[in-house]
Amino acid sequence: MKRKKINLKNNIKTKPIYFYGLYILLLFFIFLVFSSSITFALGDPKLISTINSAFQDIESWILKIATPAAAVAVGTGVFMKKFSFGDEEKIRTGKKLIKGSLFSYAFILAIDLVLSAIQSLVG
């Protein structure tokens, strides 16, 4: 079987995709910060208030769903550990499930705090 030659000159010139993602995230953050001044200049803030209320509804819905989902995941992990009957794989899986669900729930709560801090800074 022949191996393909890798052209190193083309690989060196390509930029990583995370650079573009970071650039787009930075532009989105700048737009988010200056959106209140943009709406002031344009005049009609009905669209912005509608979008803000939609995001608040989505945020409250995610928080309402996240709490029971985390409880079910932690309960499943506890039962998996309890009824593993000495199987190390099930014990490890149960521990990973508990840690992952608690981390995810904490991350969702932290996002809520960050969003409320940004909202208090912007307007």
Protein backbone atom coordinates (compact mmCIF):
# COMPACT_ATOMS: atom_id res chain seq x y z
CA MET A 1 0.00 0.00 0.00
CA LYS A 2 1.37 3.42 -0.92
CA ARG A 3 1.29 6.21 1.56
CA LYS A 4 0.25 9.67 0.55
CA LYS A 5 2.80 12.41 0.96
CA ILE A 6 1.78 15.16 3.30
CA ASN A 7 2.45 18.62 1.98
CA LEU A 8 3.78 20.47 5.02
CA LYS A 9 3.77 23.85 3.30
CA ASN A 10 -0.03 23.86 3.06
CA ASN A 11 -0.50 22.64 6.64
CA ILE A 12 1.69 25.41 8.03
CA LYS A 13 -0.24 28.11 6.19
CA THR A 14 -3.69 27.02 7.40
CA LYS A 15 -5.04 28.87 10.38
CA PRO A 16 -6.67 26.93 13.21
CA ILE A 17 -10.45 26.96 13.29
CA TYR A 18 -10.56 28.03 16.91
CA PHE A 19 -8.97 31.35 15.92
CA TYR A 20 -11.98 32.11 13.73
CA GLY A 21 -14.37 30.96 16.43
CA LEU A 22 -12.70 33.23 18.98
CA TYR A 23 -12.86 36.12 16.53
CA ILE A 24 -16.60 35.59 15.95
CA LEU A 25 -17.19 35.31 19.72
CA LEU A 26 -15.34 38.57 20.28
CA LEU A 27 -17.43 40.32 17.62
CA PHE A 28 -20.62 38.95 19.19
CA PHE A 29 -19.56 40.19 22.64
CA ILE A 30 -18.77 43.66 21.26
CA PHE A 31 -22.17 43.73 19.56
CA LEU A 32 -23.84 42.64 22.80
CA VAL A 33 -22.15 45.38 24.82
CA PHE A 34 -22.94 48.14 22.35
CA SER A 35 -26.45 46.96 21.43
CA SER A 36 -28.10 49.43 23.81
CA SER A 37 -26.37 52.38 22.13
CA ILE A 38 -27.26 50.99 18.71
CA THR A 39 -30.95 50.79 19.63
CA PHE A 40 -30.81 54.32 21.00
CA ALA A 41 -29.42 55.54 17.69
CA LEU A 42 -31.97 53.62 15.62
CA GLY A 43 -34.92 54.61 17.73
CA ASP A 44 -37.37 51.69 17.98
CA PRO A 45 -36.38 49.29 20.81
CA LYS A 46 -39.41 46.97 20.42
CA LEU A 47 -37.35 44.28 18.71
CA ILE A 48 -34.69 44.37 21.41
CA SER A 49 -37.25 44.17 24.21
CA THR A 50 -38.91 41.24 22.43
CA ILE A 51 -35.58 39.45 22.06
CA ASN A 52 -34.69 40.15 25.71
CA SER A 53 -38.00 38.76 26.92
CA ALA A 54 -37.55 35.69 24.71
CA PHE A 55 -34.08 35.07 26.13
CA GLN A 56 -35.41 35.47 29.66
CA ASP A 57 -38.16 32.95 28.95
CA ILE A 58 -35.63 30.49 27.52
CA GLU A 59 -33.33 31.01 30.50
CA SER A 60 -36.10 30.39 33.03
CA TRP A 61 -37.22 27.31 31.10
CA ILE A 62 -33.68 25.89 31.08
CA LEU A 63 -33.34 26.49 34.82
CA LYS A 64 -36.68 24.80 35.49
CA ILE A 65 -35.65 21.75 33.44
CA ALA A 66 -32.06 21.57 34.73
CA THR A 67 -32.92 21.03 38.39
CA PRO A 68 -34.98 17.84 38.00
CA ALA A 69 -32.66 16.57 35.27
CA ALA A 70 -29.66 16.93 37.57
CA ALA A 71 -31.58 15.22 40.39
CA VAL A 72 -32.51 12.29 38.15
CA ALA A 73 -28.91 11.97 36.92
CA VAL A 74 -27.49 12.03 40.46
CA GLY A 75 -30.11 9.52 41.59
CA THR A 76 -29.28 7.23 38.69
CA GLY A 77 -25.58 7.44 39.54
CA VAL A 78 -26.26 6.65 43.19
CA PHE A 79 -28.41 3.64 42.29
CA MET A 80 -25.80 2.50 39.79
CA LYS A 81 -23.15 2.59 42.52
CA LYS A 82 -25.43 0.98 45.08
CA PHE A 83 -26.54 -1.92 42.88
CA SER A 84 -23.21 -2.56 41.15
CA PHE A 85 -22.58 -5.65 43.31
CA GLY A 86 -18.84 -5.05 43.24
CA ASP A 87 -18.51 -4.47 39.49
CA GLU A 88 -15.79 -1.83 39.19
CA GLU A 89 -17.00 -0.64 35.77
CA LYS A 90 -20.47 0.18 37.10
CA ILE A 91 -19.02 1.92 40.15
CA ARG A 92 -16.78 4.07 37.94
CA THR A 93 -19.67 4.84 35.61
CA GLY A 94 -21.88 5.83 38.56
CA LYS A 95 -19.21 8.15 39.95
CA LYS A 96 -18.71 9.76 36.53
CA LEU A 97 -22.45 10.24 36.17
CA ILE A 98 -22.72 11.92 39.57
CA LYS A 99 -19.73 14.21 38.99
CA GLY A 100 -20.80 15.10 35.46
CA SER A 101 -24.35 15.95 36.41
CA LEU A 102 -23.29 18.09 39.38
CA PHE A 103 -20.73 19.90 37.23
CA SER A 104 -23.29 20.52 34.50
CA TYR A 105 -25.85 21.84 36.97
CA ALA A 106 -23.26 24.13 38.55
CA PHE A 107 -22.29 25.33 35.06
CA ILE A 108 -25.92 26.17 34.24
CA LEU A 109 -26.27 28.11 37.50
CA ALA A 110 -23.02 29.95 36.80
CA ILE A 111 -24.27 30.91 33.35
CA ASP A 112 -27.37 32.34 35.01
CA LEU A 113 -25.18 34.46 37.29
CA VAL A 114 -23.02 35.66 34.40
CA LEU A 115 -26.07 36.57 32.31
CA SER A 116 -27.63 38.53 35.17
CA ALA A 117 -24.32 40.36 35.74
CA ILE A 118 -24.11 41.28 32.04
CA GLN A 119 -27.72 42.37 32.06
CA SER A 120 -27.13 44.65 35.07
CA LEU A 121 -24.08 46.17 33.33
CA VAL A 122 -25.77 46.71 29.97
CA GLY A 123 -29.05 48.12 31.07
